[in-house]
Amino acid sequence: MAWDWQVFCQDTITQEVGSSCFGKGGDITYLDWLLSAWGWTVSVSLLALVIALIVGSLIGTLRTLPDSPWIVRLGNAWVEFFRNIPLLVHIFLWYHVIPAIFPAMKSLPGFVLVVFALGFFTSARIAEQLRSGIQALPRGQRYAGMAMGFTTFQYYRYVLLPMAFRIIIPPLTSETMNIFKNS
C-alpha cells in the first residue's frame, strides 16, 4: 500500500485535488495549513528562545554571585517557581490570570503571552544549567580574575561565563529542541 501524497494538495473545503499544492484565489490546501503552522511554530520557538537565553543567563549568573545571599535566594525562588509548575499551567496563567491582574496586558495577543510563558518556563532550566556550568569551573578561575584586579562583573564576563557557556552547549542544544517541541 502506497501513501497518497495528493492529500496535501486537496482543497480544505471541497476536498478536490488542485493543479498545484498551493491554494489560489482564496482556496486553502492542507499544505498551506502545514506551512502556516510551521511558520508559527518557528516564530514562537525562536522568540521564546531569545527570552529564555537572556533571562536564564541573568538568573543563572545571579545564583552564583559571592556575598549576595538575597540575590541568590531570589534566583533560587525564580528557578523553583518556574520548574515546579507544568508548562501547560504556565500558559493558562499567562493567558487568563496575568491579564486579569494587569489590565494593560489584555490588549496583548495570545502569541506574545505564549512566547512569555514558554520563554520564562525555559529560562529557569537554562538558569540551572548555567549555574551548574559556572560551579563546574575550578575555583582558581574566579580567584585568577580577582587577582588580575577585575571587578565581579568583569571576571564573570571575561573569565567565568565564556568557559561556562562552553561547558553547557550540549544541554542548551537540548533546551532548544525542547522549546521547539513544547511550542
N, C-alpha and C. Protein backbone atom coordinates (compact mmCIF):
# COMPACT_ATOMS: atom_id res chain seq x y z
N MET A 1 0.84 -1.17 0.00
CA MET A 1 0.00 0.00 0.00
C MET A 1 0.89 1.25 0.00
N ALA A 2 0.64 2.14 -0.91
CA ALA A 2 1.44 3.36 -1.03
C ALA A 2 0.67 4.54 -0.45
N TRP A 3 1.42 5.48 0.05
CA TRP A 3 0.82 6.68 0.61
C TRP A 3 0.38 7.60 -0.52
N ASP A 4 -0.82 8.15 -0.41
CA ASP A 4 -1.35 9.07 -1.40
C ASP A 4 -0.94 10.49 -1.02
N TRP A 5 0.11 10.99 -1.66
CA TRP A 5 0.65 12.30 -1.32
C TRP A 5 -0.23 13.44 -1.82
N GLN A 6 -1.22 13.13 -2.63
CA GLN A 6 -2.10 14.19 -3.14
C GLN A 6 -3.00 14.77 -2.06
N VAL A 7 -3.06 14.11 -0.91
CA VAL A 7 -3.90 14.63 0.16
C VAL A 7 -3.46 16.04 0.57
N PHE A 8 -2.18 16.35 0.43
CA PHE A 8 -1.70 17.68 0.77
C PHE A 8 -2.16 18.73 -0.24
N CYS A 9 -2.54 18.30 -1.43
CA CYS A 9 -2.96 19.22 -2.48
C CYS A 9 -4.47 19.38 -2.52
N GLN A 10 -5.20 18.72 -1.62
CA GLN A 10 -6.65 18.83 -1.61
C GLN A 10 -7.08 20.16 -1.02
N ASP A 11 -8.15 20.70 -1.59
CA ASP A 11 -8.77 21.89 -1.04
C ASP A 11 -9.40 21.51 0.30
N THR A 12 -9.30 22.37 1.29
CA THR A 12 -9.79 22.02 2.62
C THR A 12 -11.31 22.03 2.70
N ILE A 13 -11.99 22.69 1.77
CA ILE A 13 -13.46 22.75 1.81
C ILE A 13 -14.07 21.75 0.85
N THR A 14 -13.65 21.78 -0.41
CA THR A 14 -14.28 20.92 -1.42
C THR A 14 -13.64 19.55 -1.53
N GLN A 15 -12.47 19.35 -0.94
CA GLN A 15 -11.72 18.10 -0.99
C GLN A 15 -11.27 17.72 -2.40
N GLU A 16 -11.30 18.67 -3.33
CA GLU A 16 -10.84 18.41 -4.70
C GLU A 16 -9.34 18.63 -4.77
N VAL A 17 -8.67 17.79 -5.57
CA VAL A 17 -7.23 17.94 -5.76
C VAL A 17 -7.00 19.02 -6.79
N GLY A 18 -6.24 20.05 -6.40
CA GLY A 18 -5.98 21.16 -7.30
C GLY A 18 -4.81 20.86 -8.22
N SER A 19 -4.60 21.78 -9.15
CA SER A 19 -3.50 21.61 -10.10
C SER A 19 -2.14 21.85 -9.44
N SER A 20 -2.13 22.64 -8.37
CA SER A 20 -0.90 22.83 -7.60
C SER A 20 -1.22 22.62 -6.13
N CYS A 21 -0.20 22.43 -5.36
CA CYS A 21 -0.41 22.16 -3.93
C CYS A 21 -0.64 23.43 -3.12
N PHE A 22 -0.47 24.58 -3.73
CA PHE A 22 -0.71 25.83 -3.04
C PHE A 22 -2.02 26.42 -3.55
N GLY A 23 -2.89 26.80 -2.60
CA GLY A 23 -4.19 27.32 -2.97
C GLY A 23 -4.09 28.62 -3.74
N LYS A 24 -5.06 28.81 -4.64
CA LYS A 24 -5.09 30.03 -5.45
C LYS A 24 -6.44 30.70 -5.26
N GLY A 25 -6.44 32.00 -5.22
CA GLY A 25 -7.69 32.75 -5.17
C GLY A 25 -8.48 32.51 -3.89
N GLY A 26 -7.82 32.39 -2.77
CA GLY A 26 -8.53 32.20 -1.51
C GLY A 26 -8.73 30.75 -1.13
N ASP A 27 -8.46 29.81 -2.04
CA ASP A 27 -8.56 28.39 -1.70
C ASP A 27 -7.35 28.00 -0.85
N ILE A 28 -7.59 27.23 0.17
CA ILE A 28 -6.51 26.81 1.06
C ILE A 28 -6.39 25.29 0.99
N THR A 29 -5.16 24.83 0.80
CA THR A 29 -4.91 23.39 0.78
C THR A 29 -4.32 22.98 2.14
N TYR A 30 -4.26 21.68 2.34
CA TYR A 30 -3.68 21.19 3.59
C TYR A 30 -2.20 21.54 3.70
N LEU A 31 -1.52 21.60 2.58
CA LEU A 31 -0.11 22.01 2.60
C LEU A 31 0.03 23.46 3.06
N ASP A 32 -0.91 24.31 2.64
CA ASP A 32 -0.90 25.69 3.12
C ASP A 32 -1.04 25.74 4.64
N TRP A 33 -1.93 24.92 5.17
CA TRP A 33 -2.11 24.86 6.62
C TRP A 33 -0.84 24.40 7.32
N LEU A 34 -0.21 23.37 6.78
CA LEU A 34 1.01 22.84 7.39
C LEU A 34 2.13 23.88 7.38
N LEU A 35 2.29 24.58 6.26
CA LEU A 35 3.35 25.59 6.18
C LEU A 35 3.07 26.78 7.10
N SER A 36 1.80 27.15 7.22
CA SER A 36 1.44 28.22 8.13
C SER A 36 1.72 27.83 9.58
N ALA A 37 1.35 26.61 9.94
CA ALA A 37 1.61 26.13 11.30
C ALA A 37 3.11 26.04 11.57
N TRP A 38 3.87 25.62 10.58
CA TRP A 38 5.32 25.54 10.75
C TRP A 38 5.91 26.93 11.00
N GLY A 39 5.41 27.93 10.28
CA GLY A 39 5.89 29.30 10.48
C GLY A 39 5.59 29.81 11.88
N TRP A 40 4.39 29.53 12.39
CA TRP A 40 4.05 29.95 13.75
C TRP A 40 4.91 29.23 14.78
N THR A 41 5.15 27.95 14.56
CA THR A 41 5.98 27.18 15.50
C THR A 41 7.39 27.75 15.56
N VAL A 42 7.96 28.03 14.41
CA VAL A 42 9.32 28.57 14.37
C VAL A 42 9.38 29.95 15.02
N SER A 43 8.40 30.80 14.76
CA SER A 43 8.44 32.15 15.33
C SER A 43 8.26 32.13 16.84
N VAL A 44 7.31 31.32 17.34
CA VAL A 44 7.13 31.21 18.79
C VAL A 44 8.40 30.66 19.44
N SER A 45 8.96 29.63 18.83
CA SER A 45 10.14 28.97 19.41
C SER A 45 11.35 29.89 19.45
N LEU A 46 11.62 30.59 18.37
CA LEU A 46 12.80 31.45 18.33
C LEU A 46 12.68 32.64 19.28
N LEU A 47 11.50 33.25 19.34
CA LEU A 47 11.32 34.37 20.26
C LEU A 47 11.40 33.90 21.71
N ALA A 48 10.81 32.75 22.01
CA ALA A 48 10.89 32.21 23.37
C ALA A 48 12.33 31.84 23.71
N LEU A 49 13.08 31.35 22.73
CA LEU A 49 14.48 31.01 22.98
C LEU A 49 15.30 32.25 23.31
N VAL A 50 15.04 33.35 22.63
CA VAL A 50 15.76 34.60 22.92
C VAL A 50 15.45 35.05 24.35
N ILE A 51 14.17 35.03 24.73
CA ILE A 51 13.79 35.42 26.09
C ILE A 51 14.43 34.48 27.11
N ALA A 52 14.37 33.18 26.83
CA ALA A 52 14.91 32.19 27.76
C ALA A 52 16.41 32.35 27.94
N LEU A 53 17.13 32.60 26.86
CA LEU A 53 18.59 32.76 26.97
C LEU A 53 18.96 34.02 27.76
N ILE A 54 18.27 35.11 27.50
CA ILE A 54 18.59 36.36 28.20
C ILE A 54 18.25 36.25 29.69
N VAL A 55 17.01 35.87 29.98
CA VAL A 55 16.58 35.80 31.39
C VAL A 55 17.30 34.67 32.11
N GLY A 56 17.44 33.52 31.47
CA GLY A 56 18.12 32.39 32.10
C GLY A 56 19.58 32.67 32.39
N SER A 57 20.25 33.36 31.48
CA SER A 57 21.66 33.72 31.72
C SER A 57 21.78 34.69 32.88
N LEU A 58 20.87 35.64 32.96
CA LEU A 58 20.90 36.60 34.06
C LEU A 58 20.64 35.91 35.39
N ILE A 59 19.59 35.10 35.46
CA ILE A 59 19.24 34.42 36.71
C ILE A 59 20.32 33.42 37.09
N GLY A 60 20.83 32.67 36.12
CA GLY A 60 21.87 31.70 36.41
C GLY A 60 23.14 32.34 36.93
N THR A 61 23.48 33.50 36.40
CA THR A 61 24.65 34.22 36.88
C THR A 61 24.41 34.77 38.28
N LEU A 62 23.21 35.30 38.51
CA LEU A 62 22.91 35.85 39.83
C LEU A 62 22.94 34.78 40.92
N ARG A 63 22.62 33.54 40.55
CA ARG A 63 22.60 32.45 41.53
C ARG A 63 23.99 32.04 41.99
N THR A 64 25.03 32.51 41.32
CA THR A 64 26.39 32.13 41.70
C THR A 64 27.20 33.31 42.24
N LEU A 65 26.56 34.45 42.44
CA LEU A 65 27.30 35.61 42.95
C LEU A 65 27.78 35.37 44.37
N PRO A 66 29.05 35.71 44.64
CA PRO A 66 29.54 35.57 46.02
C PRO A 66 29.05 36.76 46.85
N ASP A 67 28.83 36.53 48.11
CA ASP A 67 28.47 37.59 49.07
C ASP A 67 27.17 38.29 48.73
N SER A 68 26.23 37.61 48.10
CA SER A 68 24.92 38.19 47.79
C SER A 68 23.82 37.17 48.10
N PRO A 69 23.60 36.86 49.37
CA PRO A 69 22.66 35.77 49.69
C PRO A 69 21.22 36.07 49.27
N TRP A 70 20.79 37.32 49.33
CA TRP A 70 19.41 37.63 48.98
C TRP A 70 19.18 37.53 47.48
N ILE A 71 20.17 37.91 46.70
CA ILE A 71 20.05 37.78 45.25
C ILE A 71 20.05 36.31 44.86
N VAL A 72 20.88 35.52 45.53
CA VAL A 72 20.91 34.08 45.27
C VAL A 72 19.56 33.46 45.62
N ARG A 73 18.97 33.86 46.74
CA ARG A 73 17.65 33.33 47.13
C ARG A 73 16.58 33.74 46.14
N LEU A 74 16.65 34.97 45.64
CA LEU A 74 15.68 35.42 44.64
C LEU A 74 15.81 34.59 43.36
N GLY A 75 17.04 34.32 42.93
CA GLY A 75 17.25 33.47 41.76
C GLY A 75 16.77 32.05 42.00
N ASN A 76 17.01 31.53 43.20
CA ASN A 76 16.53 30.18 43.53
C ASN A 76 15.01 30.13 43.51
N ALA A 77 14.36 31.18 44.02
CA ALA A 77 12.90 31.21 44.01
C ALA A 77 12.37 31.23 42.58
N TRP A 78 13.02 31.99 41.71
CA TRP A 78 12.62 32.02 40.29
C TRP A 78 12.68 30.62 39.68
N VAL A 79 13.81 29.97 39.88
CA VAL A 79 14.00 28.63 39.30
C VAL A 79 13.00 27.65 39.89
N GLU A 80 12.81 27.66 41.19
CA GLU A 80 11.88 26.72 41.82
C GLU A 80 10.45 26.98 41.36
N PHE A 81 10.06 28.24 41.23
CA PHE A 81 8.70 28.54 40.79
C PHE A 81 8.46 28.05 39.37
N PHE A 82 9.36 28.37 38.47
CA PHE A 82 9.11 28.04 37.06
C PHE A 82 9.39 26.58 36.73
N ARG A 83 10.23 25.91 37.48
CA ARG A 83 10.50 24.50 37.19
C ARG A 83 9.46 23.58 37.80
N ASN A 84 8.81 23.99 38.89
CA ASN A 84 7.90 23.10 39.60
C ASN A 84 6.45 23.24 39.18
N ILE A 85 6.16 24.11 38.27
CA ILE A 85 4.80 24.24 37.73
C ILE A 85 4.85 23.80 36.27
N PRO A 86 3.96 22.91 35.86
CA PRO A 86 4.00 22.43 34.46
C PRO A 86 3.79 23.55 33.45
N LEU A 87 4.30 23.33 32.26
CA LEU A 87 4.23 24.35 31.21
C LEU A 87 2.79 24.70 30.87
N LEU A 88 1.92 23.72 30.80
CA LEU A 88 0.52 23.99 30.45
C LEU A 88 -0.13 24.92 31.48
N VAL A 89 0.19 24.74 32.74
CA VAL A 89 -0.34 25.63 33.79
C VAL A 89 0.22 27.03 33.60
N HIS A 90 1.50 27.14 33.24
CA HIS A 90 2.09 28.46 32.97
C HIS A 90 1.36 29.15 31.82
N ILE A 91 1.05 28.40 30.78
CA ILE A 91 0.35 29.00 29.64
C ILE A 91 -1.02 29.49 30.06
N PHE A 92 -1.74 28.70 30.85
CA PHE A 92 -3.04 29.14 31.35
C PHE A 92 -2.90 30.37 32.24
N LEU A 93 -1.89 30.38 33.10
CA LEU A 93 -1.67 31.54 33.96
C LEU A 93 -1.39 32.79 33.13
N TRP A 94 -0.53 32.68 32.14
CA TRP A 94 -0.19 33.83 31.32
C TRP A 94 -1.35 34.27 30.44
N TYR A 95 -2.22 33.35 30.07
CA TYR A 95 -3.31 33.70 29.16
C TYR A 95 -4.54 34.21 29.92
N HIS A 96 -4.79 33.69 31.12
CA HIS A 96 -6.02 34.06 31.84
C HIS A 96 -5.77 34.89 33.10
N VAL A 97 -4.78 34.53 33.90
CA VAL A 97 -4.61 35.16 35.21
C VAL A 97 -3.82 36.47 35.11
N ILE A 98 -2.70 36.45 34.43
CA ILE A 98 -1.85 37.65 34.35
C ILE A 98 -2.60 38.83 33.72
N PRO A 99 -3.35 38.64 32.60
CA PRO A 99 -4.11 39.78 32.08
C PRO A 99 -5.21 40.26 33.03
N ALA A 100 -5.73 39.38 33.89
CA ALA A 100 -6.73 39.82 34.86
C ALA A 100 -6.09 40.66 35.96
N ILE A 101 -4.86 40.34 36.31
CA ILE A 101 -4.15 41.10 37.35
C ILE A 101 -3.63 42.42 36.79
N PHE A 102 -3.07 42.37 35.59
CA PHE A 102 -2.53 43.57 34.93
C PHE A 102 -3.39 43.88 33.70
N PRO A 103 -4.38 44.77 33.82
CA PRO A 103 -5.32 45.03 32.71
C PRO A 103 -4.64 45.52 31.43
N ALA A 104 -3.47 46.11 31.53
CA ALA A 104 -2.79 46.57 30.32
C ALA A 104 -2.39 45.41 29.42
N MET A 105 -2.26 44.22 29.99
CA MET A 105 -1.85 43.05 29.20
C MET A 105 -3.02 42.40 28.46
N LYS A 106 -4.25 42.87 28.70
CA LYS A 106 -5.41 42.31 28.00
C LYS A 106 -5.36 42.62 26.51
N SER A 107 -4.67 43.68 26.15
CA SER A 107 -4.60 44.05 24.74
C SER A 107 -3.52 43.27 23.99
N LEU A 108 -2.67 42.54 24.71
CA LEU A 108 -1.62 41.76 24.04
C LEU A 108 -2.23 40.53 23.37
N PRO A 109 -1.75 40.21 22.17
CA PRO A 109 -2.26 38.99 21.52
C PRO A 109 -1.77 37.73 22.24
N GLY A 110 -2.47 36.64 22.02
CA GLY A 110 -2.11 35.38 22.65
C GLY A 110 -0.72 34.91 22.26
N PHE A 111 -0.27 35.29 21.07
CA PHE A 111 1.07 34.93 20.60
C PHE A 111 2.13 35.44 21.57
N VAL A 112 2.02 36.69 21.98
CA VAL A 112 3.00 37.30 22.88
C VAL A 112 2.96 36.62 24.24
N LEU A 113 1.76 36.32 24.72
CA LEU A 113 1.62 35.69 26.03
C LEU A 113 2.23 34.29 26.06
N VAL A 114 2.02 33.52 24.98
CA VAL A 114 2.59 32.17 24.95
C VAL A 114 4.11 32.24 24.79
N VAL A 115 4.61 33.24 24.10
CA VAL A 115 6.07 33.41 24.00
C VAL A 115 6.65 33.71 25.38
N PHE A 116 6.00 34.57 26.15
CA PHE A 116 6.46 34.85 27.52
C PHE A 116 6.40 33.60 28.39
N ALA A 117 5.30 32.87 28.31
CA ALA A 117 5.15 31.66 29.13
C ALA A 117 6.23 30.65 28.81
N LEU A 118 6.44 30.38 27.54
CA LEU A 118 7.45 29.40 27.13
C LEU A 118 8.86 29.91 27.42
N GLY A 119 9.09 31.20 27.20
CA GLY A 119 10.41 31.77 27.46
C GLY A 119 10.78 31.75 28.93
N PHE A 120 9.86 32.15 29.80
CA PHE A 120 10.16 32.16 31.23
C PHE A 120 10.26 30.74 31.79
N PHE A 121 9.42 29.83 31.30
CA PHE A 121 9.49 28.44 31.74
C PHE A 121 10.87 27.85 31.41
N THR A 122 11.34 28.10 30.20
CA THR A 122 12.63 27.56 29.78
C THR A 122 13.79 28.32 30.42
N SER A 123 13.58 29.58 30.78
CA SER A 123 14.66 30.36 31.40
C SER A 123 15.09 29.74 32.73
N ALA A 124 14.17 29.14 33.45
CA ALA A 124 14.54 28.51 34.71
C ALA A 124 15.46 27.32 34.47
N ARG A 125 15.20 26.58 33.42
CA ARG A 125 16.04 25.42 33.11
C ARG A 125 17.43 25.88 32.64
N ILE A 126 17.47 26.94 31.84
CA ILE A 126 18.75 27.47 31.38
C ILE A 126 19.53 28.07 32.55
N ALA A 127 18.83 28.72 33.48
CA ALA A 127 19.50 29.27 34.66
C ALA A 127 20.16 28.17 35.47
N GLU A 128 19.48 27.05 35.62
CA GLU A 128 20.06 25.93 36.37
C GLU A 128 21.27 25.35 35.64
N GLN A 129 21.19 25.28 34.32
CA GLN A 129 22.32 24.77 33.55
C GLN A 129 23.52 25.71 33.64
N LEU A 130 23.27 27.00 33.56
CA LEU A 130 24.38 27.96 33.65
C LEU A 130 24.99 27.95 35.04
N ARG A 131 24.16 27.86 36.07
CA ARG A 131 24.68 27.77 37.43
C ARG A 131 25.59 26.56 37.58
N SER A 132 25.15 25.42 37.07
CA SER A 132 25.98 24.22 37.18
C SER A 132 27.25 24.35 36.33
N GLY A 133 27.16 25.04 35.19
CA GLY A 133 28.35 25.26 34.38
C GLY A 133 29.37 26.14 35.07
N ILE A 134 28.89 27.19 35.75
CA ILE A 134 29.81 28.07 36.48
C ILE A 134 30.41 27.33 37.67
N GLN A 135 29.60 26.56 38.37
CA GLN A 135 30.12 25.84 39.54
C GLN A 135 31.02 24.67 39.15
N ALA A 136 30.96 24.24 37.89
CA ALA A 136 31.84 23.16 37.44
C ALA A 136 33.26 23.67 37.18
N LEU A 137 33.42 24.97 37.07
CA LEU A 137 34.75 25.54 36.83
C LEU A 137 35.58 25.48 38.10
N PRO A 138 36.88 25.35 37.97
CA PRO A 138 37.74 25.36 39.16
C PRO A 138 37.66 26.72 39.87
N ARG A 139 37.74 26.71 41.19
CA ARG A 139 37.67 27.97 41.94
C ARG A 139 38.81 28.90 41.60
N GLY A 140 39.89 28.34 41.14
CA GLY A 140 41.04 29.16 40.78
C GLY A 140 40.75 30.13 39.65
N GLN A 141 39.78 29.83 38.81
CA GLN A 141 39.42 30.75 37.73
C GLN A 141 38.86 32.05 38.30
N ARG A 142 37.99 31.92 39.29
CA ARG A 142 37.43 33.11 39.93
C ARG A 142 38.53 33.90 40.64
N TYR A 143 39.40 33.18 41.34
CA TYR A 143 40.49 33.84 42.07
C TYR A 143 41.48 34.49 41.11
N ALA A 144 41.69 33.88 39.96
CA ALA A 144 42.59 34.48 38.96
C ALA A 144 42.03 35.80 38.46
N GLY A 145 40.73 35.84 38.22
CA GLY A 145 40.11 37.09 37.80
C GLY A 145 40.21 38.16 38.87
N MET A 146 40.02 37.76 40.12
CA MET A 146 40.13 38.72 41.22
C MET A 146 41.58 39.19 41.37
N ALA A 147 42.54 38.28 41.16
CA ALA A 147 43.96 38.64 41.29
C ALA A 147 44.39 39.61 40.20
N MET A 148 43.72 39.54 39.05
CA MET A 148 44.06 40.47 37.96
C MET A 148 43.43 41.84 38.17
N GLY A 149 42.65 41.99 39.24
CA GLY A 149 42.06 43.28 39.54
C GLY A 149 40.70 43.50 38.89
N PHE A 150 40.10 42.44 38.36
CA PHE A 150 38.79 42.57 37.73
C PHE A 150 37.72 42.79 38.81
N THR A 151 36.71 43.54 38.44
CA THR A 151 35.53 43.63 39.30
C THR A 151 34.72 42.34 39.14
N THR A 152 33.70 42.19 39.96
CA THR A 152 32.87 40.98 39.86
C THR A 152 32.27 40.86 38.47
N PHE A 153 31.74 41.96 37.95
CA PHE A 153 31.16 41.94 36.61
C PHE A 153 32.20 41.54 35.57
N GLN A 154 33.41 42.09 35.70
CA GLN A 154 34.45 41.81 34.71
C GLN A 154 34.91 40.36 34.75
N TYR A 155 35.11 39.77 35.92
CA TYR A 155 35.59 38.39 35.90
C TYR A 155 34.49 37.42 35.53
N TYR A 156 33.24 37.80 35.72
CA TYR A 156 32.17 36.96 35.16
C TYR A 156 32.17 37.07 33.64
N ARG A 157 32.27 38.30 33.14
CA ARG A 157 32.17 38.50 31.69
C ARG A 157 33.36 37.95 30.94
N TYR A 158 34.56 38.15 31.44
CA TYR A 158 35.76 37.78 30.70
C TYR A 158 36.33 36.40 31.06
N VAL A 159 36.03 35.91 32.25
CA VAL A 159 36.66 34.67 32.69
C VAL A 159 35.64 33.54 32.83
N LEU A 160 34.63 33.73 33.66
CA LEU A 160 33.75 32.62 34.02
C LEU A 160 32.71 32.29 32.95
N LEU A 161 31.98 33.28 32.47
CA LEU A 161 30.88 32.99 31.54
C LEU A 161 31.32 32.37 30.21
N PRO A 162 32.41 32.83 29.60
CA PRO A 162 32.81 32.15 28.35
C PRO A 162 33.10 30.67 28.54
N MET A 163 33.77 30.32 29.64
CA MET A 163 34.06 28.91 29.88
C MET A 163 32.81 28.14 30.28
N ALA A 164 31.93 28.77 31.04
CA ALA A 164 30.70 28.09 31.47
C ALA A 164 29.79 27.83 30.27
N PHE A 165 29.67 28.78 29.36
CA PHE A 165 28.83 28.56 28.17
C PHE A 165 29.41 27.45 27.30
N ARG A 166 30.71 27.33 27.30
CA ARG A 166 31.32 26.25 26.53
C ARG A 166 30.96 24.89 27.13
N ILE A 167 30.87 24.83 28.44
CA ILE A 167 30.51 23.59 29.11
C ILE A 167 29.05 23.24 28.86
N ILE A 168 28.18 24.24 28.82
CA ILE A 168 26.74 23.95 28.76
C ILE A 168 26.17 23.96 27.35
N ILE A 169 27.00 23.95 26.33
CA ILE A 169 26.47 23.91 24.96
C ILE A 169 25.60 22.67 24.72
N PRO A 170 26.01 21.46 25.13
CA PRO A 170 25.12 20.31 24.89
C PRO A 170 23.75 20.42 25.55
N PRO A 171 23.66 20.80 26.85
CA PRO A 171 22.31 20.95 27.40
C PRO A 171 21.53 22.12 26.80
N LEU A 172 22.22 23.17 26.35
CA LEU A 172 21.50 24.26 25.68
C LEU A 172 20.91 23.79 24.37
N THR A 173 21.60 22.91 23.68
CA THR A 173 21.06 22.33 22.45
C THR A 173 19.80 21.54 22.76
N SER A 174 19.82 20.79 23.84
CA SER A 174 18.63 20.04 24.24
C SER A 174 17.48 20.98 24.60
N GLU A 175 17.78 22.08 25.26
CA GLU A 175 16.72 23.03 25.61
C GLU A 175 16.14 23.69 24.37
N THR A 176 16.98 23.94 23.37
CA THR A 176 16.46 24.49 22.11
C THR A 176 15.49 23.52 21.47
N MET A 177 15.84 22.25 21.46
CA MET A 177 14.91 21.25 20.91
C MET A 177 13.65 21.14 21.76
N ASN A 178 13.79 21.25 23.08
CA ASN A 178 12.61 21.21 23.94
C ASN A 178 11.68 22.38 23.68
N ILE A 179 12.23 23.55 23.41
CA ILE A 179 11.38 24.70 23.10
C ILE A 179 10.58 24.44 21.83
N PHE A 180 11.23 23.90 20.82
CA PHE A 180 10.51 23.59 19.58
C PHE A 180 9.44 22.53 19.83
N LYS A 181 9.74 21.54 20.66
CA LYS A 181 8.75 20.50 20.95
C LYS A 181 7.61 21.07 21.78
N ASN A 182 7.92 21.92 22.74
CA ASN A 182 6.88 22.47 23.62
C ASN A 182 5.99 23.48 22.92
N SER A 183 6.51 24.11 21.87
CA SER A 183 5.68 25.11 21.19
C SER A 183 4.66 24.43 20.31
